[in-house]
Amino acid sequence: MNKHRCAWSGTDPLYNLYHDTEWGIPVHDDKKLFEMLNLEGAQAGLSWITILRKRENYRKAFDNFDPKKIVKYNAKKILSLMKNEGIVRNRLKIHSVVSNAKAFLDVQKEFGSFDSYIWQFVGGKPIVNKRKSIKDIPPKTIEAEAMSKDLKKRGFRFVGPTICYAFMQACGLVNDHEVKCFRYK
């Protein structure tokens, strides 16, 4: 018997695995939240499958998304990242990970954890939507717009409302699985 999945996950085995085991599951681990925020930013203008296929390369290139290491990146390290064919070699996106690391550490210091900070945008628990099809999913919401505005104010980059909403979906701040998807409940 075939499982019914959200239409966006298509037939690619990597996409299906991501959909079945990660997407929409609430994340409360700061390091994972930092990774996903940056990967969603790297996706800007590209498809998620492109980033998903490069995720292991990103982890290696960016010290497993350790913000304490990333804030120390110098010009030489940035240049090596610009030459790394395993990631998206966009100077602004690469620099954004470094500025995001600094802002992330500042948020952790202020709120005790990034988790405490980021989940406040949904009142501390996932927003459960009742999407019948992919057509019912908006590109952004008022919560994503509020998150984007506050993240930008704190120095984060590549965190527009659409990126923030994709992040919210990926990290389970919202449940946007289609109601007929086996993962909905």
C-alpha atoms as a PDB file:
ATOM      1  CA  MET A   1       0.000   0.000   0.000  1.00  0.00           C
ATOM      2  CA  ASN A   2       1.376   3.409  -0.998  1.00  0.00           C
ATOM      3  CA  LYS A   3       1.463   6.178   1.580  1.00  0.00           C
ATOM      4  CA  HIS A   4      -0.253   9.381   0.578  1.00  0.00           C
ATOM      5  CA  ARG A   5       2.253  12.226   0.836  1.00  0.00           C
ATOM      6  CA  CYS A   6       2.012  15.948   0.312  1.00  0.00           C
ATOM      7  CA  ALA A   7       2.097  16.684  -3.422  1.00  0.00           C
ATOM      8  CA  TRP A   8       5.271  18.807  -3.175  1.00  0.00           C
ATOM      9  CA  SER A   9       7.368  15.776  -2.176  1.00  0.00           C
ATOM     10  CA  GLY A  10       6.943  14.245  -5.637  1.00  0.00           C
ATOM     11  CA  THR A  11       8.692  10.961  -6.384  1.00  0.00           C
ATOM     12  CA  ASP A  12      12.339  11.756  -5.631  1.00  0.00           C
ATOM     13  CA  PRO A  13      13.482   9.307  -2.903  1.00  0.00           C
ATOM     14  CA  LEU A  14      15.509  12.021  -1.117  1.00  0.00           C
ATOM     15  CA  TYR A  15      12.507  14.362  -1.092  1.00  0.00           C
ATOM     16  CA  ASN A  16      10.266  11.547   0.165  1.00  0.00           C
ATOM     17  CA  LEU A  17      12.697  10.686   2.959  1.00  0.00           C
ATOM     18  CA  TYR A  18      12.914  14.364   3.960  1.00  0.00           C
ATOM     19  CA  HIS A  19       9.112  14.677   3.895  1.00  0.00           C
ATOM     20  CA  ASP A  20       8.578  11.458   5.846  1.00  0.00           C
ATOM     21  CA  THR A  21      11.210  11.934   8.551  1.00  0.00           C
ATOM     22  CA  GLU A  22      11.880  15.675   8.972  1.00  0.00           C
ATOM     23  CA  TRP A  23       9.542  18.192   7.366  1.00  0.00           C
ATOM     24  CA  GLY A  24       6.987  19.521   9.794  1.00  0.00           C
ATOM     25  CA  ILE A  25       8.362  17.793  12.884  1.00  0.00           C
ATOM     26  CA  PRO A  26       8.790  20.369  15.674  1.00  0.00           C
ATOM     27  CA  VAL A  27      12.477  21.198  16.182  1.00  0.00           C
ATOM     28  CA  HIS A  28      13.698  22.549  19.508  1.00  0.00           C
ATOM     29  CA  ASP A  29      17.439  21.970  19.092  1.00  0.00           C
ATOM     30  CA  ASP A  30      19.257  25.281  18.632  1.00  0.00           C
ATOM     31  CA  LYS A  31      21.933  23.849  16.340  1.00  0.00           C
ATOM     32  CA  LYS A  32      19.347  22.237  14.043  1.00  0.00           C
ATOM     33  CA  LEU A  33      17.294  25.450  13.990  1.00  0.00           C
ATOM     34  CA  PHE A  34      20.423  27.421  13.031  1.00  0.00           C
ATOM     35  CA  GLU A  35      21.249  24.941  10.282  1.00  0.00           C
ATOM     36  CA  MET A  36      17.734  24.992   8.842  1.00  0.00           C
ATOM     37  CA  LEU A  37      17.478  28.789   8.919  1.00  0.00           C
ATOM     38  CA  ASN A  38      20.699  29.045   6.923  1.00  0.00           C
ATOM     39  CA  LEU A  39      19.798  26.263   4.499  1.00  0.00           C
ATOM     40  CA  GLU A  40      16.440  27.905   3.823  1.00  0.00           C
ATOM     41  CA  GLY A  41      18.326  31.147   3.130  1.00  0.00           C
ATOM     42  CA  ALA A  42      20.677  29.308   0.765  1.00  0.00           C
ATOM     43  CA  GLN A  43      17.626  28.093  -1.111  1.00  0.00           C
ATOM     44  CA  ALA A  44      16.514  31.627  -2.083  1.00  0.00           C
ATOM     45  CA  GLY A  45      15.942  31.595  -5.838  1.00  0.00           C
ATOM     46  CA  LEU A  46      16.601  27.859  -6.061  1.00  0.00           C
ATOM     47  CA  SER A  47      14.653  24.670  -5.433  1.00  0.00           C
ATOM     48  CA  TRP A  48      14.774  22.970  -2.038  1.00  0.00           C
ATOM     49  CA  ILE A  49      15.923  19.693  -3.610  1.00  0.00           C
ATOM     50  CA  THR A  50      19.079  21.497  -4.803  1.00  0.00           C
ATOM     51  CA  ILE A  51      19.928  22.437  -1.213  1.00  0.00           C
ATOM     52  CA  LEU A  52      18.851  19.066   0.151  1.00  0.00           C
ATOM     53  CA  ARG A  53      21.296  17.339  -2.202  1.00  0.00           C
ATOM     54  CA  LYS A  54      24.077  19.653  -0.990  1.00  0.00           C
ATOM     55  CA  ARG A  55      23.203  19.498   2.717  1.00  0.00           C
ATOM     56  CA  GLU A  56      26.085  17.208   3.720  1.00  0.00           C
ATOM     57  CA  ASN A  57      28.488  19.462   1.807  1.00  0.00           C
ATOM     58  CA  TYR A  58      27.088  22.457   3.690  1.00  0.00           C
ATOM     59  CA  ARG A  59      27.602  20.699   7.006  1.00  0.00           C
ATOM     60  CA  LYS A  60      31.241  19.981   6.165  1.00  0.00           C
ATOM     61  CA  ALA A  61      31.887  23.427   4.712  1.00  0.00           C
ATOM     62  CA  PHE A  62      30.323  25.303   7.650  1.00  0.00           C
ATOM     63  CA  ASP A  63      31.779  23.280  10.548  1.00  0.00           C
ATOM     64  CA  ASN A  64      28.527  21.380  11.081  1.00  0.00           C
ATOM     65  CA  PHE A  65      26.780  24.741  11.541  1.00  0.00           C
ATOM     66  CA  ASP A  66      28.600  25.526  14.782  1.00  0.00           C
ATOM     67  CA  PRO A  67      27.927  29.269  15.211  1.00  0.00           C
ATOM     68  CA  LYS A  68      30.869  29.704  17.615  1.00  0.00           C
ATOM     69  CA  LYS A  69      33.245  28.521  14.896  1.00  0.00           C
ATOM     70  CA  ILE A  70      31.464  30.346  12.069  1.00  0.00           C
ATOM     71  CA  VAL A  71      31.699  33.787  13.740  1.00  0.00           C
ATOM     72  CA  LYS A  72      35.490  33.431  13.565  1.00  0.00           C
ATOM     73  CA  TYR A  73      35.579  32.953   9.779  1.00  0.00           C
ATOM     74  CA  ASN A  74      38.077  35.262   8.107  1.00  0.00           C
ATOM     75  CA  ALA A  75      38.606  36.362   4.495  1.00  0.00           C
ATOM     76  CA  LYS A  76      40.683  33.259   3.730  1.00  0.00           C
ATOM     77  CA  LYS A  77      37.902  30.944   4.930  1.00  0.00           C
ATOM     78  CA  ILE A  78      35.279  32.900   2.950  1.00  0.00           C
ATOM     79  CA  LEU A  79      37.444  32.585  -0.167  1.00  0.00           C
ATOM     80  CA  SER A  80      37.715  28.824   0.332  1.00  0.00           C
ATOM     81  CA  LEU A  81      33.926  28.626   0.659  1.00  0.00           C
ATOM     82  CA  MET A  82      33.561  30.625  -2.582  1.00  0.00           C
ATOM     83  CA  LYS A  83      35.617  27.919  -4.299  1.00  0.00           C
ATOM     84  CA  ASN A  84      33.664  25.026  -2.752  1.00  0.00           C
ATOM     85  CA  GLU A  85      31.649  23.407  -5.551  1.00  0.00           C
ATOM     86  CA  GLY A  86      29.637  21.402  -3.025  1.00  0.00           C
ATOM     87  CA  ILE A  87      27.655  24.457  -1.884  1.00  0.00           C
ATOM     88  CA  VAL A  88      25.929  27.383  -3.580  1.00  0.00           C
ATOM     89  CA  ARG A  89      28.823  29.761  -4.209  1.00  0.00           C
ATOM     90  CA  ASN A  90      27.013  33.021  -3.736  1.00  0.00           C
ATOM     91  CA  ARG A  91      29.083  35.578  -1.860  1.00  0.00           C
ATOM     92  CA  LEU A  92      26.077  37.219  -0.173  1.00  0.00           C
ATOM     93  CA  LYS A  93      24.666  33.877   0.961  1.00  0.00           C
ATOM     94  CA  ILE A  94      28.032  32.752   2.333  1.00  0.00           C
ATOM     95  CA  HIS A  95      28.526  36.032   4.207  1.00  0.00           C
ATOM     96  CA  SER A  96      24.979  35.760   5.555  1.00  0.00           C
ATOM     97  CA  VAL A  97      25.849  32.535   7.398  1.00  0.00           C
ATOM     98  CA  VAL A  98      28.641  34.399   9.200  1.00  0.00           C
ATOM     99  CA  SER A  99      26.452  37.384  10.130  1.00  0.00           C
ATOM    100  CA  ASN A 100      23.647  34.982  11.094  1.00  0.00           C
ATOM    101  CA  ALA A 101      26.021  33.149  13.446  1.00  0.00           C
ATOM    102  CA  LYS A 102      26.775  36.386  15.307  1.00  0.00           C
ATOM    103  CA  ALA A 103      23.104  37.338  15.498  1.00  0.00           C
ATOM    104  CA  PHE A 104      22.214  33.790  16.574  1.00  0.00           C
ATOM    105  CA  LEU A 105      24.696  33.877  19.468  1.00  0.00           C
ATOM    106  CA  ASP A 106      23.319  37.282  20.509  1.00  0.00           C
ATOM    107  CA  VAL A 107      19.766  35.867  20.541  1.00  0.00           C
ATOM    108  CA  GLN A 108      20.894  32.867  22.595  1.00  0.00           C
ATOM    109  CA  LYS A 109      22.488  35.223  25.106  1.00  0.00           C
ATOM    110  CA  GLU A 110      19.369  37.402  25.333  1.00  0.00           C
ATOM    111  CA  PHE A 111      16.702  34.653  25.412  1.00  0.00           C
ATOM    112  CA  GLY A 112      18.639  31.713  26.884  1.00  0.00           C
ATOM    113  CA  SER A 113      18.164  29.756  23.657  1.00  0.00           C
ATOM    114  CA  PHE A 114      17.285  30.378  20.039  1.00  0.00           C
ATOM    115  CA  ASP A 115      14.461  27.885  20.537  1.00  0.00           C
ATOM    116  CA  SER A 116      12.800  30.119  23.161  1.00  0.00           C
ATOM    117  CA  TYR A 117      13.108  33.095  20.851  1.00  0.00           C
ATOM    118  CA  ILE A 118      11.904  31.526  17.589  1.00  0.00           C
ATOM    119  CA  TRP A 119       8.942  29.611  18.999  1.00  0.00           C
ATOM    120  CA  GLN A 120       7.474  32.809  20.468  1.00  0.00           C
ATOM    121  CA  PHE A 121       6.286  33.703  16.954  1.00  0.00           C
ATOM    122  CA  VAL A 122       3.767  30.838  17.116  1.00  0.00           C
ATOM    123  CA  GLY A 123       2.933  31.094  20.807  1.00  0.00           C
ATOM    124  CA  GLY A 124       5.202  28.189  21.757  1.00  0.00           C
ATOM    125  CA  LYS A 125       3.300  25.457  19.900  1.00  0.00           C
ATOM    126  CA  PRO A 126       2.799  24.486  16.248  1.00  0.00           C
ATOM    127  CA  ILE A 127       0.072  26.151  14.244  1.00  0.00           C
ATOM    128  CA  VAL A 128      -1.964  23.277  12.786  1.00  0.00           C
ATOM    129  CA  ASN A 129      -3.406  24.160   9.406  1.00  0.00           C
ATOM    130  CA  LYS A 130      -5.900  22.159   7.369  1.00  0.00           C
ATOM    131  CA  ARG A 131      -4.442  22.323   3.878  1.00  0.00           C
ATOM    132  CA  LYS A 132      -6.336  20.276   1.310  1.00  0.00           C
ATOM    133  CA  SER A 133      -3.759  20.770  -1.423  1.00  0.00           C
ATOM    134  CA  ILE A 134      -0.494  22.507  -2.198  1.00  0.00           C
ATOM    135  CA  LYS A 135      -2.566  25.326  -3.720  1.00  0.00           C
ATOM    136  CA  ASP A 136      -3.879  26.159  -0.236  1.00  0.00           C
ATOM    137  CA  ILE A 137      -0.413  26.874   1.158  1.00  0.00           C
ATOM    138  CA  PRO A 138       0.489  30.575   1.160  1.00  0.00           C
ATOM    139  CA  PRO A 139       4.041  31.739   0.456  1.00  0.00           C
ATOM    140  CA  LYS A 140       4.065  33.671   3.749  1.00  0.00           C
ATOM    141  CA  THR A 141       1.887  34.439   6.769  1.00  0.00           C
ATOM    142  CA  ILE A 142       1.620  37.260   9.284  1.00  0.00           C
ATOM    143  CA  GLU A 143       3.682  35.170  11.726  1.00  0.00           C
ATOM    144  CA  ALA A 144       6.410  34.715   9.096  1.00  0.00           C
ATOM    145  CA  GLU A 145       6.347  38.436   8.364  1.00  0.00           C
ATOM    146  CA  ALA A 146       6.748  39.241  12.081  1.00  0.00           C
ATOM    147  CA  MET A 147       9.580  36.708  12.384  1.00  0.00           C
ATOM    148  CA  SER A 148      11.330  38.118   9.308  1.00  0.00           C
ATOM    149  CA  LYS A 149      11.065  41.694  10.535  1.00  0.00           C
ATOM    150  CA  ASP A 150      12.482  40.835  13.959  1.00  0.00           C
ATOM    151  CA  LEU A 151      15.266  38.611  12.607  1.00  0.00           C
ATOM    152  CA  LYS A 152      16.364  41.374  10.216  1.00  0.00           C
ATOM    153  CA  LYS A 153      16.304  43.917  13.055  1.00  0.00           C
ATOM    154  CA  ARG A 154      18.670  41.603  14.956  1.00  0.00           C
ATOM    155  CA  GLY A 155      21.132  41.368  12.047  1.00  0.00           C
ATOM    156  CA  PHE A 156      20.062  38.141  10.336  1.00  0.00           C
ATOM    157  CA  ARG A 157      20.283  37.992   6.534  1.00  0.00           C
ATOM    158  CA  PHE A 158      18.360  35.983   3.905  1.00  0.00           C
ATOM    159  CA  VAL A 159      15.357  35.831   6.218  1.00  0.00           C
ATOM    160  CA  GLY A 160      12.543  37.350   4.171  1.00  0.00           C
ATOM    161  CA  PRO A 161       8.955  36.352   4.994  1.00  0.00           C
ATOM    162  CA  THR A 162       8.844  33.579   2.380  1.00  0.00           C
ATOM    163  CA  ILE A 163      12.119  32.086   3.645  1.00  0.00           C
ATOM    164  CA  CYS A 164      10.845  32.372   7.220  1.00  0.00           C
ATOM    165  CA  TYR A 165       7.620  30.577   6.305  1.00  0.00           C
ATOM    166  CA  ALA A 166       9.540  27.752   4.617  1.00  0.00           C
ATOM    167  CA  PHE A 167      11.683  27.552   7.779  1.00  0.00           C
ATOM    168  CA  MET A 168       8.548  27.449   9.941  1.00  0.00           C
ATOM    169  CA  GLN A 169       7.137  24.601   7.842  1.00  0.00           C
ATOM    170  CA  ALA A 170      10.404  22.654   7.831  1.00  0.00           C
ATOM    171  CA  CYS A 171      10.944  22.977  11.592  1.00  0.00           C
ATOM    172  CA  GLY A 172       7.356  22.230  12.581  1.00  0.00           C
ATOM    173  CA  LEU A 173       6.374  25.668  13.816  1.00  0.00           C
ATOM    174  CA  VAL A 174       3.438  25.134  11.467  1.00  0.00           C
ATOM    175  CA  ASN A 175       1.902  21.887  10.283  1.00  0.00           C
ATOM    176  CA  ASP A 176       1.300  22.368   6.569  1.00  0.00           C
ATOM    177  CA  HIS A 177       1.020  18.695   5.672  1.00  0.00           C
ATOM    178  CA  GLU A 178      -2.038  18.152   3.500  1.00  0.00           C
ATOM    179  CA  VAL A 179      -4.885  16.715   5.587  1.00  0.00           C
ATOM    180  CA  LYS A 180      -4.834  13.500   3.509  1.00  0.00           C
ATOM    181  CA  CYS A 181      -1.048  13.085   3.986  1.00  0.00           C
ATOM    182  CA  PHE A 182      -0.061  10.215   6.273  1.00  0.00           C
ATOM    183  CA  ARG A 183       2.129  12.677   8.240  1.00  0.00           C
ATOM    184  CA  TYR A 184      -0.663  15.171   8.951  1.00  0.00           C
ATOM    185  CA  LYS A 185      -1.612  13.744  12.367  1.00  0.00           C
END
